[in-house]
Amino acid sequence: MFNTLISRLFPVRSALARSVPGQLMDRAEASAGTDPRRAAELRRAAIAYLGVVR
């Protein structure tokens, strides 16, 4: 759900040009089933990065 929101707010123009927040969200999604704390940490890092960039 959260990934859907992020992807709608910040669409990726090219698969090769993945942004740092996009990479962090991808990693969070991949680790969500095995390590939920790590996934939450990665999501917070993506949001923090977006806050600094803007």
PDB file of N, CA and C in Angstrom:
ATOM      1  N   MET A   1       0.819  -1.181   0.000  1.00  0.00           N
ATOM      2  CA  MET A   1       0.000   0.000   0.000  1.00  0.00           C
ATOM      3  C   MET A   1       0.875   1.262   0.000  1.00  0.00           C
ATOM      4  N   PHE A   2       1.862   1.296   0.888  1.00  0.00           N
ATOM      5  CA  PHE A   2       2.743   2.449   0.982  1.00  0.00           C
ATOM      6  C   PHE A   2       3.572   2.597  -0.284  1.00  0.00           C
ATOM      7  N   ASN A   3       4.018   1.477  -0.821  1.00  0.00           N
ATOM      8  CA  ASN A   3       4.804   1.518  -2.063  1.00  0.00           C
ATOM      9  C   ASN A   3       3.976   2.055  -3.214  1.00  0.00           C
ATOM     10  N   THR A   4       2.695   1.732  -3.241  1.00  0.00           N
ATOM     11  CA  THR A   4       1.817   2.229  -4.280  1.00  0.00           C
ATOM     12  C   THR A   4       1.693   3.740  -4.197  1.00  0.00           C
ATOM     13  N   LEU A   5       1.545   4.251  -2.995  1.00  0.00           N
ATOM     14  CA  LEU A   5       1.455   5.689  -2.791  1.00  0.00           C
ATOM     15  C   LEU A   5       2.733   6.385  -3.267  1.00  0.00           C
ATOM     16  N   ILE A   6       3.879   5.862  -2.864  1.00  0.00           N
ATOM     17  CA  ILE A   6       5.154   6.451  -3.268  1.00  0.00           C
ATOM     18  C   ILE A   6       5.315   6.398  -4.790  1.00  0.00           C
ATOM     19  N   SER A   7       4.959   5.283  -5.394  1.00  0.00           N
ATOM     20  CA  SER A   7       5.130   5.161  -6.841  1.00  0.00           C
ATOM     21  C   SER A   7       4.200   6.096  -7.607  1.00  0.00           C
ATOM     22  N   ARG A   8       3.044   6.404  -7.044  1.00  0.00           N
ATOM     23  CA  ARG A   8       2.146   7.354  -7.706  1.00  0.00           C
ATOM     24  C   ARG A   8       2.623   8.786  -7.531  1.00  0.00           C
ATOM     25  N   LEU A   9       3.191   9.085  -6.380  1.00  0.00           N
ATOM     26  CA  LEU A   9       3.694  10.431  -6.129  1.00  0.00           C
ATOM     27  C   LEU A   9       4.988  10.706  -6.889  1.00  0.00           C
ATOM     28  N   PHE A  10       5.822   9.672  -7.022  1.00  0.00           N
ATOM     29  CA  PHE A  10       7.131   9.815  -7.652  1.00  0.00           C
ATOM     30  C   PHE A  10       7.318   8.730  -8.705  1.00  0.00           C
ATOM     31  N   PRO A  11       6.684   8.891  -9.863  1.00  0.00           N
ATOM     32  CA  PRO A  11       6.803   7.851 -10.883  1.00  0.00           C
ATOM     33  C   PRO A  11       8.233   7.753 -11.420  1.00  0.00           C
ATOM     34  N   VAL A  12       8.622   6.537 -11.746  1.00  0.00           N
ATOM     35  CA  VAL A  12       9.956   6.287 -12.291  1.00  0.00           C
ATOM     36  C   VAL A  12       9.873   6.406 -13.803  1.00  0.00           C
ATOM     37  N   ARG A  13      10.705   7.230 -14.364  1.00  0.00           N
ATOM     38  CA  ARG A  13      10.677   7.457 -15.802  1.00  0.00           C
ATOM     39  C   ARG A  13      11.348   6.317 -16.572  1.00  0.00           C
ATOM     40  N   SER A  14      12.340   5.711 -15.983  1.00  0.00           N
ATOM     41  CA  SER A  14      13.063   4.637 -16.645  1.00  0.00           C
ATOM     42  C   SER A  14      13.492   3.617 -15.600  1.00  0.00           C
ATOM     43  N   ALA A  15      13.497   2.365 -15.992  1.00  0.00           N
ATOM     44  CA  ALA A  15      13.924   1.321 -15.056  1.00  0.00           C
ATOM     45  C   ALA A  15      15.406   1.457 -14.724  1.00  0.00           C
ATOM     46  N   LEU A  16      16.187   2.024 -15.644  1.00  0.00           N
ATOM     47  CA  LEU A  16      17.616   2.172 -15.405  1.00  0.00           C
ATOM     48  C   LEU A  16      17.923   3.342 -14.471  1.00  0.00           C
ATOM     49  N   ALA A  17      17.092   4.350 -14.483  1.00  0.00           N
ATOM     50  CA  ALA A  17      17.345   5.552 -13.692  1.00  0.00           C
ATOM     51  C   ALA A  17      16.546   5.524 -12.384  1.00  0.00           C
ATOM     52  N   ARG A  18      16.787   4.519 -11.586  1.00  0.00           N
ATOM     53  CA  ARG A  18      16.082   4.407 -10.312  1.00  0.00           C
ATOM     54  C   ARG A  18      16.652   5.422  -9.336  1.00  0.00           C
ATOM     55  N   SER A  19      15.768   6.104  -8.660  1.00  0.00           N
ATOM     56  CA  SER A  19      16.190   7.091  -7.681  1.00  0.00           C
ATOM     57  C   SER A  19      16.594   6.385  -6.385  1.00  0.00           C
ATOM     58  N   VAL A  20      17.273   7.102  -5.538  1.00  0.00           N
ATOM     59  CA  VAL A  20      17.674   6.542  -4.242  1.00  0.00           C
ATOM     60  C   VAL A  20      16.446   6.129  -3.433  1.00  0.00           C
ATOM     61  N   PRO A  21      15.412   6.988  -3.309  1.00  0.00           N
ATOM     62  CA  PRO A  21      14.236   6.550  -2.561  1.00  0.00           C
ATOM     63  C   PRO A  21      13.563   5.326  -3.185  1.00  0.00           C
ATOM     64  N   GLY A  22      13.563   5.275  -4.506  1.00  0.00           N
ATOM     65  CA  GLY A  22      12.980   4.114  -5.182  1.00  0.00           C
ATOM     66  C   GLY A  22      13.732   2.834  -4.871  1.00  0.00           C
ATOM     67  N   GLN A  23      15.055   2.933  -4.854  1.00  0.00           N
ATOM     68  CA  GLN A  23      15.872   1.766  -4.511  1.00  0.00           C
ATOM     69  C   GLN A  23      15.621   1.337  -3.061  1.00  0.00           C
ATOM     70  N   LEU A  24      15.519   2.321  -2.173  1.00  0.00           N
ATOM     71  CA  LEU A  24      15.262   2.003  -0.769  1.00  0.00           C
ATOM     72  C   LEU A  24      13.901   1.331  -0.603  1.00  0.00           C
ATOM     73  N   MET A  25      12.901   1.832  -1.320  1.00  0.00           N
ATOM     74  CA  MET A  25      11.570   1.231  -1.225  1.00  0.00           C
ATOM     75  C   MET A  25      11.558  -0.184  -1.808  1.00  0.00           C
ATOM     76  N   ASP A  26      12.301  -0.402  -2.877  1.00  0.00           N
ATOM     77  CA  ASP A  26      12.404  -1.749  -3.437  1.00  0.00           C
ATOM     78  C   ASP A  26      13.033  -2.711  -2.431  1.00  0.00           C
ATOM     79  N   ARG A  27      14.084  -2.262  -1.782  1.00  0.00           N
ATOM     80  CA  ARG A  27      14.737  -3.100  -0.765  1.00  0.00           C
ATOM     81  C   ARG A  27      13.817  -3.351   0.413  1.00  0.00           C
ATOM     82  N   ALA A  28      13.047  -2.333   0.795  1.00  0.00           N
ATOM     83  CA  ALA A  28      12.104  -2.493   1.902  1.00  0.00           C
ATOM     84  C   ALA A  28      11.045  -3.527   1.563  1.00  0.00           C
ATOM     85  N   GLU A  29      10.541  -3.452   0.347  1.00  0.00           N
ATOM     86  CA  GLU A  29       9.529  -4.414  -0.077  1.00  0.00           C
ATOM     87  C   GLU A  29      10.090  -5.833  -0.092  1.00  0.00           C
ATOM     88  N   ALA A  30      11.329  -5.967  -0.539  1.00  0.00           N
ATOM     89  CA  ALA A  30      11.947  -7.285  -0.614  1.00  0.00           C
ATOM     90  C   ALA A  30      12.189  -7.882   0.766  1.00  0.00           C
ATOM     91  N   SER A  31      12.486  -7.049   1.746  1.00  0.00           N
ATOM     92  CA  SER A  31      12.795  -7.578   3.076  1.00  0.00           C
ATOM     93  C   SER A  31      11.604  -7.557   4.023  1.00  0.00           C
ATOM     94  N   ALA A  32      10.455  -7.096   3.574  1.00  0.00           N
ATOM     95  CA  ALA A  32       9.291  -6.959   4.457  1.00  0.00           C
ATOM     96  C   ALA A  32       8.852  -8.298   5.062  1.00  0.00           C
ATOM     97  N   GLY A  33       8.916  -9.355   4.305  1.00  0.00           N
ATOM     98  CA  GLY A  33       8.460 -10.647   4.809  1.00  0.00           C
ATOM     99  C   GLY A  33       9.423 -11.297   5.782  1.00  0.00           C
ATOM    100  N   THR A  34      10.695 -11.021   5.640  1.00  0.00           N
ATOM    101  CA  THR A  34      11.693 -11.680   6.475  1.00  0.00           C
ATOM    102  C   THR A  34      12.188 -10.816   7.629  1.00  0.00           C
ATOM    103  N   ASP A  35      12.214  -9.496   7.424  1.00  0.00           N
ATOM    104  CA  ASP A  35      12.733  -8.602   8.459  1.00  0.00           C
ATOM    105  C   ASP A  35      11.932  -7.296   8.458  1.00  0.00           C
ATOM    106  N   PRO A  36      10.768  -7.286   9.119  1.00  0.00           N
ATOM    107  CA  PRO A  36       9.899  -6.113   9.093  1.00  0.00           C
ATOM    108  C   PRO A  36      10.552  -4.851   9.673  1.00  0.00           C
ATOM    109  N   ARG A  37      11.413  -5.021  10.662  1.00  0.00           N
ATOM    110  CA  ARG A  37      12.081  -3.846  11.240  1.00  0.00           C
ATOM    111  C   ARG A  37      13.018  -3.199  10.232  1.00  0.00           C
ATOM    112  N   ARG A  38      13.734  -4.013   9.504  1.00  0.00           N
ATOM    113  CA  ARG A  38      14.636  -3.499   8.468  1.00  0.00           C
ATOM    114  C   ARG A  38      13.832  -2.801   7.372  1.00  0.00           C
ATOM    115  N   ALA A  39      12.696  -3.385   7.008  1.00  0.00           N
ATOM    116  CA  ALA A  39      11.841  -2.787   5.987  1.00  0.00           C
ATOM    117  C   ALA A  39      11.344  -1.411   6.441  1.00  0.00           C
ATOM    118  N   ALA A  40      10.930  -1.315   7.689  1.00  0.00           N
ATOM    119  CA  ALA A  40      10.463  -0.028   8.219  1.00  0.00           C
ATOM    120  C   ALA A  40      11.599   0.991   8.238  1.00  0.00           C
ATOM    121  N   GLU A  41      12.791   0.539   8.578  1.00  0.00           N
ATOM    122  CA  GLU A  41      13.953   1.432   8.596  1.00  0.00           C
ATOM    123  C   GLU A  41      14.256   1.955   7.193  1.00  0.00           C
ATOM    124  N   LEU A  42      14.174   1.100   6.204  1.00  0.00           N
ATOM    125  CA  LEU A  42      14.427   1.510   4.825  1.00  0.00           C
ATOM    126  C   LEU A  42      13.360   2.491   4.337  1.00  0.00           C
ATOM    127  N   ARG A  43      12.111   2.256   4.710  1.00  0.00           N
ATOM    128  CA  ARG A  43      11.039   3.182   4.334  1.00  0.00           C
ATOM    129  C   ARG A  43      11.252   4.553   4.954  1.00  0.00           C
ATOM    130  N   ARG A  44      11.633   4.569   6.230  1.00  0.00           N
ATOM    131  CA  ARG A  44      11.914   5.850   6.893  1.00  0.00           C
ATOM    132  C   ARG A  44      13.083   6.564   6.220  1.00  0.00           C
ATOM    133  N   ALA A  45      14.076   5.823   5.796  1.00  0.00           N
ATOM    134  CA  ALA A  45      15.222   6.420   5.112  1.00  0.00           C
ATOM    135  C   ALA A  45      14.792   7.032   3.776  1.00  0.00           C
ATOM    136  N   ALA A  46      13.916   6.359   3.053  1.00  0.00           N
ATOM    137  CA  ALA A  46      13.434   6.891   1.775  1.00  0.00           C
ATOM    138  C   ALA A  46      12.665   8.186   1.984  1.00  0.00           C
ATOM    139  N   ILE A  47      11.820   8.204   2.998  1.00  0.00           N
ATOM    140  CA  ILE A  47      11.024   9.405   3.282  1.00  0.00           C
ATOM    141  C   ILE A  47      11.943  10.537   3.752  1.00  0.00           C
ATOM    142  N   ALA A  48      12.929  10.223   4.567  1.00  0.00           N
ATOM    143  CA  ALA A  48      13.872  11.240   5.033  1.00  0.00           C
ATOM    144  C   ALA A  48      14.651  11.813   3.855  1.00  0.00           C
ATOM    145  N   TYR A  49      15.054  10.971   2.928  1.00  0.00           N
ATOM    146  CA  TYR A  49      15.793  11.425   1.744  1.00  0.00           C
ATOM    147  C   TYR A  49      14.926  12.384   0.932  1.00  0.00           C
ATOM    148  N   LEU A  50      13.670  12.035   0.768  1.00  0.00           N
ATOM    149  CA  LEU A  50      12.777  12.917   0.008  1.00  0.00           C
ATOM    150  C   LEU A  50      12.585  14.251   0.711  1.00  0.00           C
ATOM    151  N   GLY A  51      12.568  14.247   2.035  1.00  0.00           N
ATOM    152  CA  GLY A  51      12.432  15.486   2.794  1.00  0.00           C
ATOM    153  C   GLY A  51      13.645  16.379   2.653  1.00  0.00           C
ATOM    154  N   VAL A  52      14.818  15.789   2.540  1.00  0.00           N
ATOM    155  CA  VAL A  52      16.048  16.563   2.402  1.00  0.00           C
ATOM    156  C   VAL A  52      16.168  17.130   0.990  1.00  0.00           C
ATOM    157  N   VAL A  53      15.791  16.347   0.002  1.00  0.00           N
ATOM    158  CA  VAL A  53      15.930  16.750  -1.397  1.00  0.00           C
ATOM    159  C   VAL A  53      14.983  17.892  -1.730  1.00  0.00           C
ATOM    160  N   ARG A  54      13.810  17.883  -1.174  1.00  0.00           N
ATOM    161  CA  ARG A  54      12.809  18.911  -1.515  1.00  0.00           C
ATOM    162  C   ARG A  54      13.031  20.120  -0.755  1.00  0.00           C
TER     163      ARG A  54
END
